[in-house]
Amino acid sequence: MKFEFEAGKTEKSLVRFRFNKFWGNVCISVNGKVRLRDFRMYSKELVASWDLIVGVAEQHRIRIEKIRPLLLAGFRSNTYKVYIDGKFFKEYAD
């Protein structure tokens, strides 16, 4: 799953999210620089989340949540929710 979005009005920050469902690799980059890497081969939790702050002069708190189904998660669609400054921004599904 790959998606990207912009945060900020005067200072734009391009956030890219990549998740490899087969290997469990997560990579989040901001303006082309990797800010967060994670590896999840197996998880008991239904919701995995990542938090980061983007911007310098205009800072925003970004939260990305990956919601997996209870059974056979590797073979079914996951939902990804993006929050900017605590407010729901967008939802993606693979």
Protein backbone atom coordinates (compact mmCIF):
# COMPACT_ATOMS: atom_id res chain seq x y z
CA MET A 1 0.00 0.00 0.00
CA LYS A 2 1.31 3.41 -0.97
CA PHE A 3 -0.24 6.82 -0.55
CA GLU A 4 0.84 10.40 -0.09
CA PHE A 5 -0.73 13.64 1.10
CA GLU A 6 0.22 17.23 1.87
CA ALA A 7 0.00 18.89 5.27
CA GLY A 8 0.20 22.63 5.83
CA LYS A 9 -1.07 25.77 4.20
CA THR A 10 1.92 28.09 3.86
CA GLU A 11 4.64 25.50 4.51
CA LYS A 12 3.67 22.35 2.58
CA SER A 13 4.99 19.01 3.78
CA LEU A 14 4.58 16.00 1.49
CA VAL A 15 4.09 12.83 3.55
CA ARG A 16 4.53 9.44 1.84
CA PHE A 17 3.43 6.19 3.45
CA ARG A 18 4.48 2.74 2.22
CA PHE A 19 3.51 -0.60 3.71
CA ASN A 20 4.54 -3.94 2.27
CA LYS A 21 1.81 -6.39 3.27
CA PHE A 22 4.00 -9.42 2.47
CA TRP A 23 7.13 -8.44 4.43
CA GLY A 24 5.55 -6.10 7.01
CA ASN A 25 7.84 -3.15 6.29
CA VAL A 26 6.56 0.37 6.97
CA CYS A 27 8.30 3.49 5.69
CA ILE A 28 7.09 7.06 6.23
CA SER A 29 8.97 9.89 4.54
CA VAL A 30 8.46 13.65 4.66
CA ASN A 31 9.61 15.77 1.73
CA GLY A 32 11.71 12.88 0.42
CA LYS A 33 13.52 12.14 3.71
CA VAL A 34 12.77 8.94 5.63
CA ARG A 35 11.38 9.86 9.03
CA LEU A 36 10.15 6.52 10.32
CA ARG A 37 10.73 2.84 9.59
CA ASP A 38 8.95 -0.05 11.25
CA PHE A 39 8.68 -3.79 10.81
CA ARG A 40 5.56 -5.77 11.71
CA MET A 41 5.56 -9.42 10.80
CA TYR A 42 2.88 -10.34 13.30
CA SER A 43 0.69 -8.24 15.55
CA LYS A 44 -2.00 -9.09 18.07
CA GLU A 45 -3.34 -5.56 17.88
CA LEU A 46 -6.00 -4.69 15.31
CA VAL A 47 -4.79 -1.08 15.07
CA ALA A 48 -1.18 -0.02 14.51
CA SER A 49 -0.41 3.69 14.63
CA TRP A 50 2.48 6.00 13.88
CA ASP A 51 2.85 9.62 15.04
CA LEU A 52 5.17 12.30 13.75
CA ILE A 53 5.45 16.07 13.56
CA VAL A 54 6.06 17.71 10.19
CA GLY A 55 7.08 21.24 9.28
CA VAL A 56 9.39 23.80 10.83
CA ALA A 57 7.64 27.16 10.88
CA GLU A 58 4.19 25.60 10.49
CA GLN A 59 4.20 22.38 12.49
CA HIS A 60 1.49 19.73 12.28
CA ARG A 61 1.03 16.51 14.20
CA ILE A 62 0.37 13.58 11.84
CA ARG A 63 -1.11 10.28 12.98
CA ILE A 64 -1.52 7.32 10.61
CA GLU A 65 -3.53 4.32 11.75
CA LYS A 66 -3.58 0.93 10.02
CA ILE A 67 -6.65 -1.07 10.90
CA ARG A 68 -6.53 -4.74 10.04
CA PRO A 69 -9.35 -7.27 9.98
CA LEU A 70 -9.57 -9.80 12.79
CA LEU A 71 -9.07 -12.90 10.65
CA LEU A 72 -6.83 -13.58 7.64
CA ALA A 73 -5.52 -10.02 7.61
CA GLY A 74 -2.80 -10.80 5.04
CA PHE A 75 -5.42 -11.79 2.49
CA ARG A 76 -8.00 -9.07 3.17
CA SER A 77 -8.18 -5.32 2.78
CA ASN A 78 -6.72 -3.06 5.45
CA THR A 79 -7.96 0.45 6.22
CA TYR A 80 -5.60 3.38 6.76
CA LYS A 81 -6.77 6.56 8.47
CA VAL A 82 -4.83 9.83 8.48
CA TYR A 83 -5.29 12.50 11.14
CA ILE A 84 -3.75 15.97 11.00
CA ASP A 85 -3.64 17.86 14.30
CA GLY A 86 -6.11 15.39 15.79
CA LYS A 87 -8.72 15.87 13.06
CA PHE A 88 -9.64 13.16 10.60
CA PHE A 89 -8.17 13.98 7.19
CA LYS A 90 -8.52 11.01 4.83
CA GLU A 91 -9.07 7.26 4.64
CA TYR A 92 -7.37 4.79 2.31
CA ALA A 93 -7.93 1.07 1.69
CA ASP A 94 -5.92 -1.56 -0.14
